[in-house]
Amino acid sequence: MSKEKVINFRIDAHLKKQAKKLAEADGRSLSNWLTRLIEREVERAAKN
């Protein structure tokens, strides 16, 4: 696997707060939770 890259993007404060709560409930950091979310969507798109 290649080296990890950093992606910076803007997000609504309320949306970030909600996502962080979901990540914490899953026992993950927000960064890790978002990475897994993106991985699942990429895999799903590849199947279609």
PDB file of N, CA and C in Angstrom:
ATOM      1  N   MET A   1       0.840  -1.178   0.000  1.00  0.00           N
ATOM      2  CA  MET A   1       0.000   0.000   0.000  1.00  0.00           C
ATOM      3  C   MET A   1       0.885   1.241   0.000  1.00  0.00           C
ATOM      4  N   SER A   2       0.489   2.255  -0.715  1.00  0.00           N
ATOM      5  CA  SER A   2       1.272   3.478  -0.792  1.00  0.00           C
ATOM      6  C   SER A   2       1.166   4.275   0.503  1.00  0.00           C
ATOM      7  N   LYS A   3       2.039   5.251   0.625  1.00  0.00           N
ATOM      8  CA  LYS A   3       2.013   6.104   1.810  1.00  0.00           C
ATOM      9  C   LYS A   3       0.688   6.841   1.908  1.00  0.00           C
ATOM     10  N   GLU A   4       0.297   7.096   3.135  1.00  0.00           N
ATOM     11  CA  GLU A   4      -0.946   7.836   3.354  1.00  0.00           C
ATOM     12  C   GLU A   4      -0.757   9.289   2.948  1.00  0.00           C
ATOM     13  N   LYS A   5      -1.809   9.886   2.459  1.00  0.00           N
ATOM     14  CA  LYS A   5      -1.811  11.286   2.057  1.00  0.00           C
ATOM     15  C   LYS A   5      -2.805  12.043   2.919  1.00  0.00           C
ATOM     16  N   VAL A   6      -2.581  13.317   3.061  1.00  0.00           N
ATOM     17  CA  VAL A   6      -3.471  14.175   3.839  1.00  0.00           C
ATOM     18  C   VAL A   6      -4.410  14.893   2.889  1.00  0.00           C
ATOM     19  N   ILE A   7      -5.695  14.905   3.247  1.00  0.00           N
ATOM     20  CA  ILE A   7      -6.701  15.641   2.480  1.00  0.00           C
ATOM     21  C   ILE A   7      -7.334  16.663   3.417  1.00  0.00           C
ATOM     22  N   ASN A   8      -7.314  17.900   3.021  1.00  0.00           N
ATOM     23  CA  ASN A   8      -7.976  18.954   3.793  1.00  0.00           C
ATOM     24  C   ASN A   8      -9.240  19.369   3.062  1.00  0.00           C
ATOM     25  N   PHE A   9     -10.343  19.459   3.790  1.00  0.00           N
ATOM     26  CA  PHE A   9     -11.575  19.942   3.184  1.00  0.00           C
ATOM     27  C   PHE A   9     -12.425  20.627   4.235  1.00  0.00           C
ATOM     28  N   ARG A  10     -13.322  21.459   3.771  1.00  0.00           N
ATOM     29  CA  ARG A  10     -14.212  22.188   4.677  1.00  0.00           C
ATOM     30  C   ARG A  10     -15.481  21.386   4.891  1.00  0.00           C
ATOM     31  N   ILE A  11     -15.995  21.474   6.118  1.00  0.00           N
ATOM     32  CA  ILE A  11     -17.212  20.759   6.467  1.00  0.00           C
ATOM     33  C   ILE A  11     -18.003  21.622   7.449  1.00  0.00           C
ATOM     34  N   ASP A  12     -19.301  21.578   7.327  1.00  0.00           N
ATOM     35  CA  ASP A  12     -20.169  22.305   8.240  1.00  0.00           C
ATOM     36  C   ASP A  12     -19.899  21.832   9.672  1.00  0.00           C
ATOM     37  N   ALA A  13     -19.852  22.757  10.618  1.00  0.00           N
ATOM     38  CA  ALA A  13     -19.537  22.426  12.011  1.00  0.00           C
ATOM     39  C   ALA A  13     -20.515  21.408  12.594  1.00  0.00           C
ATOM     40  N   HIS A  14     -21.790  21.553  12.277  1.00  0.00           N
ATOM     41  CA  HIS A  14     -22.796  20.625  12.803  1.00  0.00           C
ATOM     42  C   HIS A  14     -22.597  19.222  12.226  1.00  0.00           C
ATOM     43  N   LEU A  15     -22.293  19.139  10.943  1.00  0.00           N
ATOM     44  CA  LEU A  15     -22.048  17.845  10.306  1.00  0.00           C
ATOM     45  C   LEU A  15     -20.811  17.179  10.905  1.00  0.00           C
ATOM     46  N   LYS A  16     -19.768  17.961  11.152  1.00  0.00           N
ATOM     47  CA  LYS A  16     -18.553  17.415  11.766  1.00  0.00           C
ATOM     48  C   LYS A  16     -18.863  16.868  13.152  1.00  0.00           C
ATOM     49  N   LYS A  17     -19.644  17.595  13.915  1.00  0.00           N
ATOM     50  CA  LYS A  17     -20.003  17.161  15.264  1.00  0.00           C
ATOM     51  C   LYS A  17     -20.761  15.837  15.220  1.00  0.00           C
ATOM     52  N   GLN A  18     -21.699  15.722  14.283  1.00  0.00           N
ATOM     53  CA  GLN A  18     -22.470  14.482  14.142  1.00  0.00           C
ATOM     54  C   GLN A  18     -21.571  13.323  13.720  1.00  0.00           C
ATOM     55  N   ALA A  19     -20.681  13.570  12.770  1.00  0.00           N
ATOM     56  CA  ALA A  19     -19.769  12.524  12.297  1.00  0.00           C
ATOM     57  C   ALA A  19     -18.835  12.086  13.419  1.00  0.00           C
ATOM     58  N   LYS A  20     -18.362  13.035  14.208  1.00  0.00           N
ATOM     59  CA  LYS A  20     -17.468  12.702  15.319  1.00  0.00           C
ATOM     60  C   LYS A  20     -18.182  11.823  16.340  1.00  0.00           C
ATOM     61  N   LYS A  21     -19.445  12.103  16.611  1.00  0.00           N
ATOM     62  CA  LYS A  21     -20.221  11.271  17.538  1.00  0.00           C
ATOM     63  C   LYS A  21     -20.340   9.844  17.009  1.00  0.00           C
ATOM     64  N   LEU A  22     -20.601   9.708  15.711  1.00  0.00           N
ATOM     65  CA  LEU A  22     -20.695   8.379  15.105  1.00  0.00           C
ATOM     66  C   LEU A  22     -19.356   7.645  15.181  1.00  0.00           C
ATOM     67  N   ALA A  23     -18.280   8.365  14.923  1.00  0.00           N
ATOM     68  CA  ALA A  23     -16.946   7.764  14.986  1.00  0.00           C
ATOM     69  C   ALA A  23     -16.642   7.287  16.402  1.00  0.00           C
ATOM     70  N   GLU A  24     -16.934   8.122  17.380  1.00  0.00           N
ATOM     71  CA  GLU A  24     -16.677   7.759  18.771  1.00  0.00           C
ATOM     72  C   GLU A  24     -17.518   6.560  19.191  1.00  0.00           C
ATOM     73  N   ALA A  25     -18.761   6.511  18.739  1.00  0.00           N
ATOM     74  CA  ALA A  25     -19.634   5.380  19.059  1.00  0.00           C
ATOM     75  C   ALA A  25     -19.096   4.084  18.455  1.00  0.00           C
ATOM     76  N   ASP A  26     -18.340   4.211  17.369  1.00  0.00           N
ATOM     77  CA  ASP A  26     -17.740   3.062  16.689  1.00  0.00           C
ATOM     78  C   ASP A  26     -16.338   2.769  17.229  1.00  0.00           C
ATOM     79  N   GLY A  27     -15.880   3.565  18.203  1.00  0.00           N
ATOM     80  CA  GLY A  27     -14.554   3.369  18.788  1.00  0.00           C
ATOM     81  C   GLY A  27     -13.422   3.786  17.879  1.00  0.00           C
ATOM     82  N   ARG A  28     -13.684   4.760  17.005  1.00  0.00           N
ATOM     83  CA  ARG A  28     -12.687   5.196  16.025  1.00  0.00           C
ATOM     84  C   ARG A  28     -12.461   6.696  16.108  1.00  0.00           C
ATOM     85  N   SER A  29     -11.306   7.108  15.596  1.00  0.00           N
ATOM     86  CA  SER A  29     -11.078   8.537  15.429  1.00  0.00           C
ATOM     87  C   SER A  29     -11.918   8.996  14.243  1.00  0.00           C
ATOM     88  N   LEU A  30     -12.162  10.277  14.162  1.00  0.00           N
ATOM     89  CA  LEU A  30     -12.924  10.804  13.032  1.00  0.00           C
ATOM     90  C   LEU A  30     -12.193  10.513  11.723  1.00  0.00           C
ATOM     91  N   SER A  31     -10.889  10.681  11.719  1.00  0.00           N
ATOM     92  CA  SER A  31     -10.101  10.418  10.513  1.00  0.00           C
ATOM     93  C   SER A  31     -10.239   8.962  10.068  1.00  0.00           C
ATOM     94  N   ASN A  32     -10.106   8.035  11.005  1.00  0.00           N
ATOM     95  CA  ASN A  32     -10.226   6.620  10.665  1.00  0.00           C
ATOM     96  C   ASN A  32     -11.634   6.283  10.213  1.00  0.00           C
ATOM     97  N   TRP A  33     -12.624   6.841  10.870  1.00  0.00           N
ATOM     98  CA  TRP A  33     -14.018   6.583  10.510  1.00  0.00           C
ATOM     99  C   TRP A  33     -14.309   7.068   9.092  1.00  0.00           C
ATOM    100  N   LEU A  34     -13.817   8.267   8.756  1.00  0.00           N
ATOM    101  CA  LEU A  34     -14.017   8.807   7.410  1.00  0.00           C
ATOM    102  C   LEU A  34     -13.283   7.972   6.363  1.00  0.00           C
ATOM    103  N   THR A  35     -12.083   7.520   6.695  1.00  0.00           N
ATOM    104  CA  THR A  35     -11.331   6.675   5.770  1.00  0.00           C
ATOM    105  C   THR A  35     -12.101   5.398   5.469  1.00  0.00           C
ATOM    106  N   ARG A  36     -12.640   4.757   6.500  1.00  0.00           N
ATOM    107  CA  ARG A  36     -13.420   3.531   6.296  1.00  0.00           C
ATOM    108  C   ARG A  36     -14.678   3.811   5.485  1.00  0.00           C
ATOM    109  N   LEU A  37     -15.317   4.940   5.726  1.00  0.00           N
ATOM    110  CA  LEU A  37     -16.505   5.322   4.962  1.00  0.00           C
ATOM    111  C   LEU A  37     -16.161   5.458   3.478  1.00  0.00           C
ATOM    112  N   ILE A  38     -15.075   6.126   3.183  1.00  0.00           N
ATOM    113  CA  ILE A  38     -14.643   6.307   1.794  1.00  0.00           C
ATOM    114  C   ILE A  38     -14.282   4.959   1.168  1.00  0.00           C
ATOM    115  N   GLU A  39     -13.567   4.116   1.916  1.00  0.00           N
ATOM    116  CA  GLU A  39     -13.209   2.790   1.397  1.00  0.00           C
ATOM    117  C   GLU A  39     -14.452   1.992   1.017  1.00  0.00           C
ATOM    118  N   ARG A  40     -15.459   1.990   1.879  1.00  0.00           N
ATOM    119  CA  ARG A  40     -16.693   1.250   1.592  1.00  0.00           C
ATOM    120  C   ARG A  40     -17.385   1.791   0.349  1.00  0.00           C
ATOM    121  N   GLU A  41     -17.436   3.100   0.200  1.00  0.00           N
ATOM    122  CA  GLU A  41     -18.098   3.697  -0.961  1.00  0.00           C
ATOM    123  C   GLU A  41     -17.337   3.404  -2.248  1.00  0.00           C
ATOM    124  N   VAL A  42     -16.021   3.424  -2.191  1.00  0.00           N
ATOM    125  CA  VAL A  42     -15.207   3.105  -3.368  1.00  0.00           C
ATOM    126  C   VAL A  42     -15.428   1.648  -3.768  1.00  0.00           C
ATOM    127  N   GLU A  43     -15.445   0.744  -2.786  1.00  0.00           N
ATOM    128  CA  GLU A  43     -15.694  -0.669  -3.076  1.00  0.00           C
ATOM    129  C   GLU A  43     -17.094  -0.872  -3.653  1.00  0.00           C
ATOM    130  N   ARG A  44     -18.073  -0.188  -3.090  1.00  0.00           N
ATOM    131  CA  ARG A  44     -19.452  -0.306  -3.576  1.00  0.00           C
ATOM    132  C   ARG A  44     -19.563   0.193  -5.014  1.00  0.00           C
ATOM    133  N   ALA A  45     -18.913   1.307  -5.308  1.00  0.00           N
ATOM    134  CA  ALA A  45     -18.957   1.866  -6.661  1.00  0.00           C
ATOM    135  C   ALA A  45     -18.269   0.934  -7.662  1.00  0.00           C
ATOM    136  N   ALA A  46     -17.219   0.268  -7.223  1.00  0.00           N
ATOM    137  CA  ALA A  46     -16.493  -0.643  -8.110  1.00  0.00           C
ATOM    138  C   ALA A  46     -17.343  -1.857  -8.485  1.00  0.00           C
ATOM    139  N   LYS A  47     -18.263  -2.234  -7.615  1.00  0.00           N
ATOM    140  CA  LYS A  47     -19.131  -3.385  -7.875  1.00  0.00           C
ATOM    141  C   LYS A  47     -20.240  -3.060  -8.864  1.00  0.00           C
ATOM    142  N   ASN A  48     -20.577  -1.793  -8.996  1.00  0.00           N
ATOM    143  CA  ASN A  48     -21.685  -1.383  -9.883  1.00  0.00           C
ATOM    144  C   ASN A  48     -21.233  -1.112 -11.287  1.00  0.00           C
TER     145      ASN A  48
END
